[in-house]
């Protein structure tokens, strides 16, 4: 876990708004992805942040698999 934290810190962290813009998703869909464990996040000062590297990896997976389920 520590290595992941270091990797994410080096890549930078995004706010919920920035992640929504990056993925072209609404907040509800983004929160669903986090709740399902499909998109990692960290709490920083009580606020959720999403590693940029995780957003890029998620996008690559969607491109390879063709789609992702956004079930509630």
Protein backbone atom coordinates (compact mmCIF):
# COMPACT_ATOMS: atom_id res chain seq x y z
CA UNK A 1 0.00 0.00 0.00
CA UNK A 2 2.84 2.37 0.82
CA UNK A 3 4.31 1.98 -2.67
CA UNK A 4 0.92 2.80 -4.19
CA UNK A 5 0.68 5.92 -2.05
CA UNK A 6 4.13 7.06 -3.17
CA UNK A 7 3.31 6.34 -6.83
CA UNK A 8 0.04 8.28 -6.55
CA UNK A 9 1.72 11.20 -4.78
CA UNK A 10 4.26 11.47 -7.59
CA UNK A 11 1.49 11.46 -10.22
CA UNK A 12 -0.68 13.96 -8.37
CA UNK A 13 -4.21 13.83 -7.04
CA UNK A 14 -7.43 15.11 -8.61
CA UNK A 15 -10.51 16.52 -7.00
CA UNK A 16 -13.89 14.92 -7.66
CA UNK A 17 -14.70 17.71 -10.12
CA UNK A 18 -11.42 17.22 -12.00
CA UNK A 19 -11.93 13.46 -12.16
CA UNK A 20 -15.48 13.93 -13.48
CA UNK A 21 -14.17 16.23 -16.20
CA UNK A 22 -11.33 13.85 -17.07
CA UNK A 23 -13.68 10.85 -17.42
CA UNK A 24 -16.65 12.84 -18.79
CA UNK A 25 -18.86 11.43 -16.04
CA UNK A 26 -21.25 12.91 -13.53
CA UNK A 27 -20.55 12.87 -9.80
CA UNK A 28 -23.03 10.07 -9.12
CA UNK A 29 -21.35 7.76 -11.63
CA UNK A 30 -17.92 8.62 -10.25
CA UNK A 31 -19.02 7.90 -6.67
CA UNK A 32 -20.53 4.59 -7.84
CA UNK A 33 -17.21 3.59 -9.41
CA UNK A 34 -15.40 4.40 -6.16
CA UNK A 35 -17.98 2.51 -4.07
CA UNK A 36 -17.63 -0.55 -6.34
CA UNK A 37 -13.85 -0.48 -5.94
CA UNK A 38 -13.31 0.17 -9.64
CA UNK A 39 -11.61 3.51 -9.04
CA UNK A 40 -9.25 3.98 -6.09
CA UNK A 41 -9.26 7.12 -3.98
CA UNK A 42 -7.67 8.53 -0.85
CA UNK A 43 -8.92 10.92 1.80
CA UNK A 44 -6.76 13.99 2.17
CA UNK A 45 -7.90 16.37 4.87
CA UNK A 46 -11.32 14.72 4.87
CA UNK A 47 -11.75 15.23 1.13
CA UNK A 48 -11.66 12.45 -1.46
CA UNK A 49 -8.88 12.67 -4.01
CA UNK A 50 -8.35 10.39 -6.98
CA UNK A 51 -4.83 9.65 -8.22
CA UNK A 52 -4.19 10.83 -11.78
CA UNK A 53 -2.47 7.52 -12.49
CA UNK A 54 -5.67 5.68 -11.50
CA UNK A 55 -7.72 7.80 -13.91
CA UNK A 56 -5.34 7.04 -16.76
CA UNK A 57 -5.31 3.32 -15.89
CA UNK A 58 -9.11 3.24 -15.66
CA UNK A 59 -9.40 4.93 -19.08
CA UNK A 60 -6.98 2.44 -20.62
CA UNK A 61 -9.00 -0.47 -19.19
CA UNK A 62 -12.23 0.95 -20.61
CA UNK A 63 -10.60 1.36 -24.02
CA UNK A 64 -9.30 -2.23 -23.95
CA UNK A 65 -12.55 -3.76 -22.69
CA UNK A 66 -14.92 -1.55 -24.64
CA UNK A 67 -17.10 -0.48 -21.70
CA UNK A 68 -17.56 -0.44 -17.95
CA UNK A 69 -20.72 -1.12 -15.98
CA UNK A 70 -21.87 1.80 -13.84
CA UNK A 71 -24.39 -0.15 -11.74
CA UNK A 72 -25.82 1.57 -8.67
